[in-house]
N, C-alpha and C. Protein backbone atom coordinates (compact mmCIF):
# COMPACT_ATOMS: atom_id res chain seq x y z
N MET A 1 83.61 92.61 112.86
CA MET A 1 85.00 92.95 112.58
C MET A 1 85.76 91.67 112.27
N MET A 2 86.54 91.67 111.22
CA MET A 2 87.33 90.52 110.85
C MET A 2 88.79 90.77 111.25
N LEU A 3 89.35 89.84 111.97
CA LEU A 3 90.74 89.92 112.39
C LEU A 3 91.61 89.29 111.32
N ILE A 4 92.54 90.08 110.77
CA ILE A 4 93.42 89.53 109.74
C ILE A 4 94.86 89.40 110.22
N GLY A 5 95.14 89.88 111.40
CA GLY A 5 96.50 89.77 111.93
C GLY A 5 96.56 90.25 113.36
N TRP A 6 97.66 89.91 114.01
CA TRP A 6 97.85 90.29 115.40
C TRP A 6 99.29 90.71 115.57
N PHE A 7 99.52 91.91 116.10
CA PHE A 7 100.86 92.40 116.35
C PHE A 7 101.15 92.38 117.84
N THR A 8 102.35 92.00 118.21
CA THR A 8 102.73 92.02 119.62
C THR A 8 102.89 93.46 120.08
N GLU A 9 102.93 93.64 121.39
CA GLU A 9 103.11 94.97 121.96
C GLU A 9 104.42 95.59 121.49
N ALA A 10 105.47 94.77 121.40
CA ALA A 10 106.77 95.27 120.93
C ALA A 10 106.68 95.72 119.47
N ALA A 11 105.98 94.96 118.65
CA ALA A 11 105.82 95.34 117.24
C ALA A 11 105.03 96.63 117.11
N MET A 12 103.99 96.79 117.92
CA MET A 12 103.18 98.01 117.86
C MET A 12 103.99 99.24 118.26
N ALA A 13 105.01 99.05 119.08
CA ALA A 13 105.87 100.17 119.47
C ALA A 13 106.78 100.59 118.30
N GLU A 14 107.09 99.65 117.42
CA GLU A 14 107.99 99.92 116.29
C GLU A 14 107.25 100.31 115.00
N VAL A 15 106.16 99.63 114.72
CA VAL A 15 105.45 99.81 113.46
C VAL A 15 104.46 100.97 113.57
N ARG A 16 104.54 101.89 112.66
CA ARG A 16 103.62 103.04 112.65
C ARG A 16 102.51 102.87 111.63
N ASP A 17 102.83 102.33 110.46
CA ASP A 17 101.85 102.21 109.37
C ASP A 17 101.93 100.83 108.73
N VAL A 18 100.77 100.29 108.41
CA VAL A 18 100.67 99.08 107.60
C VAL A 18 99.59 99.37 106.56
N HIS A 19 99.97 99.31 105.30
CA HIS A 19 99.04 99.59 104.22
C HIS A 19 98.85 98.34 103.38
N VAL A 20 97.62 98.13 102.95
CA VAL A 20 97.29 97.04 102.03
C VAL A 20 96.83 97.69 100.73
N ARG A 21 97.42 97.27 99.63
CA ARG A 21 97.02 97.78 98.32
C ARG A 21 96.12 96.73 97.67
N LEU A 22 94.92 97.14 97.32
CA LEU A 22 93.94 96.26 96.71
C LEU A 22 93.69 96.75 95.29
N ARG A 23 93.90 95.88 94.32
CA ARG A 23 93.69 96.23 92.92
C ARG A 23 92.75 95.19 92.30
N VAL A 24 91.67 95.66 91.70
CA VAL A 24 90.70 94.77 91.07
C VAL A 24 90.40 95.25 89.66
N THR A 25 90.00 94.33 88.82
CA THR A 25 89.55 94.66 87.47
C THR A 25 88.10 94.22 87.36
N ASP A 26 87.23 95.17 86.98
CA ASP A 26 85.81 94.84 86.90
C ASP A 26 85.46 94.19 85.56
N ARG A 27 84.19 93.92 85.37
CA ARG A 27 83.72 93.19 84.19
C ARG A 27 84.05 93.86 82.87
N VAL A 28 84.08 95.20 82.89
CA VAL A 28 84.31 95.92 81.63
C VAL A 28 85.79 96.21 81.40
N GLY A 29 86.64 95.71 82.31
CA GLY A 29 88.08 95.86 82.12
C GLY A 29 88.71 97.06 82.82
N ASP A 30 87.90 97.84 83.54
CA ASP A 30 88.45 98.97 84.29
C ASP A 30 89.19 98.46 85.52
N THR A 31 90.33 99.06 85.81
CA THR A 31 91.11 98.70 86.99
C THR A 31 90.88 99.73 88.08
N HIS A 32 90.62 99.25 89.29
CA HIS A 32 90.39 100.11 90.44
C HIS A 32 91.40 99.73 91.52
N GLU A 33 91.93 100.72 92.18
CA GLU A 33 92.94 100.47 93.22
C GLU A 33 92.63 101.29 94.45
N ARG A 34 92.77 100.67 95.62
CA ARG A 34 92.61 101.34 96.90
C ARG A 34 93.78 100.97 97.78
N VAL A 35 94.22 101.93 98.57
CA VAL A 35 95.24 101.68 99.58
C VAL A 35 94.57 101.86 100.93
N ILE A 36 94.60 100.81 101.74
CA ILE A 36 93.90 100.81 103.02
C ILE A 36 94.92 100.84 104.15
N ASP A 37 94.76 101.79 105.06
CA ASP A 37 95.60 101.88 106.25
C ASP A 37 94.98 100.97 107.31
N VAL A 38 95.54 99.78 107.48
CA VAL A 38 94.92 98.80 108.37
C VAL A 38 95.16 99.10 109.85
N LEU A 39 96.03 100.03 110.16
CA LEU A 39 96.25 100.40 111.56
C LEU A 39 95.53 101.69 111.95
N LYS A 40 94.69 102.20 111.06
CA LYS A 40 93.94 103.42 111.35
C LYS A 40 93.00 103.16 112.52
N GLY A 41 93.09 103.99 113.53
CA GLY A 41 92.24 103.85 114.71
C GLY A 41 92.64 102.71 115.63
N THR A 42 93.87 102.27 115.53
CA THR A 42 94.34 101.14 116.33
C THR A 42 94.50 101.51 117.79
N ASP A 43 94.08 100.59 118.66
CA ASP A 43 94.30 100.74 120.10
C ASP A 43 95.70 100.20 120.40
N ARG A 44 96.64 101.08 120.59
CA ARG A 44 98.03 100.67 120.80
C ARG A 44 98.32 100.26 122.24
N LEU A 45 97.40 100.51 123.14
CA LEU A 45 97.54 100.09 124.53
C LEU A 45 96.35 99.21 124.90
N PRO A 46 96.44 97.92 124.60
CA PRO A 46 95.29 97.03 124.86
C PRO A 46 94.96 96.96 126.35
N ARG A 47 93.68 96.77 126.62
CA ARG A 47 93.21 96.71 128.01
C ARG A 47 93.63 95.43 128.71
N ARG A 48 93.79 94.37 127.92
CA ARG A 48 94.23 93.08 128.47
C ARG A 48 95.52 92.69 127.78
N ALA A 49 96.36 92.02 128.49
CA ALA A 49 97.67 91.63 127.92
C ALA A 49 97.51 90.66 126.76
N ASP A 50 96.59 89.74 126.84
CA ASP A 50 96.43 88.73 125.80
C ASP A 50 94.95 88.48 125.53
N PRO A 51 94.25 89.39 124.83
CA PRO A 51 92.83 89.18 124.56
C PRO A 51 92.62 87.98 123.65
N PRO A 52 91.49 87.31 123.80
CA PRO A 52 91.22 86.15 122.94
C PRO A 52 91.06 86.58 121.48
N LEU A 53 91.51 85.73 120.56
CA LEU A 53 91.43 86.06 119.14
C LEU A 53 90.02 85.92 118.60
N PHE A 54 89.21 85.03 119.17
CA PHE A 54 87.84 84.81 118.67
C PHE A 54 86.86 84.79 119.81
């Protein structure tokens, strides 16, 4: 799992959705786009107050 960000407990109480839009163009010129819900399956109540980042 790659960690790309860390939200505080207060932020997790306020923020419901965070989406990343990824748009790429392949070799033949076709454009592909995906919207990823990065908070899908998020544990909003961490077991430890300050878990290590790595």
